Amino acid sequence: MKYYCWLAIWLLLYPAGLPAAQDTGTVETKIKTVMVDPNTQAPVVVLESVADQKLLPIWIDVAEARAIALELE
């Protein structure tokens, strides 16, 4: 079950395969969700770009995850 979660995130991030490295400058994002990595039990914040709704997971520390979750509530 946990592998399906990461497969879904991978397919959302890279629907057409791995993108080429590009210098795109600054990208406006918003926090989509805060979740826990099922493999490492580490918190992950998922950012979503405003322009094209691409997702970017970022592994963070527990203290930062709590602060973000409290602010979102």
Protein backbone atom coordinates (compact mmCIF):
# COMPACT_ATOMS: atom_id res chain seq x y z
CA MET A 1 0.00 0.00 0.00
CA LYS A 2 2.76 2.46 0.93
CA TYR A 3 4.47 1.93 -2.42
CA TYR A 4 1.31 2.95 -4.28
CA CYS A 5 1.38 6.32 -2.51
CA TRP A 6 4.90 7.05 -3.74
CA LEU A 7 4.09 5.75 -7.21
CA ALA A 8 1.15 8.16 -7.37
CA ILE A 9 3.34 11.07 -6.25
CA TRP A 10 6.00 10.09 -8.81
CA LEU A 11 3.43 9.99 -11.63
CA LEU A 12 2.07 13.40 -10.59
CA LEU A 13 5.55 14.91 -10.49
CA TYR A 14 6.89 13.33 -13.67
CA PRO A 15 4.00 12.31 -15.96
CA ALA A 16 6.25 12.35 -19.05
CA GLY A 17 9.44 10.94 -17.50
CA LEU A 18 12.37 12.79 -15.98
CA PRO A 19 12.51 16.47 -16.92
CA ALA A 20 15.71 18.05 -18.18
CA ALA A 21 17.50 20.37 -15.76
CA GLN A 22 16.45 23.94 -16.47
CA ASP A 23 17.05 27.29 -14.84
CA THR A 24 13.47 28.50 -14.43
CA GLY A 25 14.09 31.17 -11.81
CA THR A 26 11.57 31.67 -9.02
CA VAL A 27 8.37 29.61 -8.98
CA GLU A 28 5.40 30.63 -6.84
CA THR A 29 4.14 27.69 -4.77
CA LYS A 30 1.61 26.92 -2.07
CA ILE A 31 1.51 24.13 0.50
CA LYS A 32 -0.66 21.30 -0.79
CA THR A 33 -0.33 18.97 2.23
CA VAL A 34 1.89 17.77 5.05
CA MET A 35 2.24 14.00 5.31
CA VAL A 36 4.52 11.27 6.70
CA ASP A 37 6.84 9.23 4.48
CA PRO A 38 5.69 5.62 5.01
CA ASN A 39 9.23 4.24 4.55
CA THR A 40 11.19 6.52 6.89
CA GLN A 41 8.40 7.99 9.05
CA ALA A 42 9.83 11.44 8.23
CA PRO A 43 7.46 14.37 7.66
CA VAL A 44 7.07 15.60 4.09
CA VAL A 45 5.59 18.89 2.96
CA VAL A 46 4.19 18.79 -0.58
CA LEU A 47 4.38 22.07 -2.46
CA GLU A 48 2.24 22.80 -5.53
CA SER A 49 3.25 25.36 -8.15
CA VAL A 50 0.58 27.99 -8.72
CA ALA A 51 1.03 28.24 -12.49
CA ASP A 52 0.96 24.60 -13.59
CA GLN A 53 0.03 22.59 -10.45
CA LYS A 54 3.25 20.53 -10.41
CA LEU A 55 4.03 18.93 -7.05
CA LEU A 56 7.31 19.00 -5.15
CA PRO A 57 7.80 16.89 -1.98
CA ILE A 58 10.31 18.20 0.57
CA TRP A 59 11.39 16.10 3.56
CA ILE A 60 11.49 18.23 6.72
CA ASP A 61 12.09 17.82 10.46
CA VAL A 62 9.31 17.07 12.95
CA ALA A 63 9.46 20.56 14.55
CA GLU A 64 8.97 22.28 11.19
CA ALA A 65 6.15 19.88 10.26
CA ARG A 66 4.31 20.69 13.50
CA ALA A 67 4.71 24.43 12.95
CA ILE A 68 3.42 24.20 9.38
CA ALA A 69 0.50 21.95 10.38
CA LEU A 70 -0.51 24.35 13.16
CA GLU A 71 -0.40 27.32 10.79
CA LEU A 72 -2.50 25.46 8.20
CA GLU A 73 -5.17 24.69 10.81
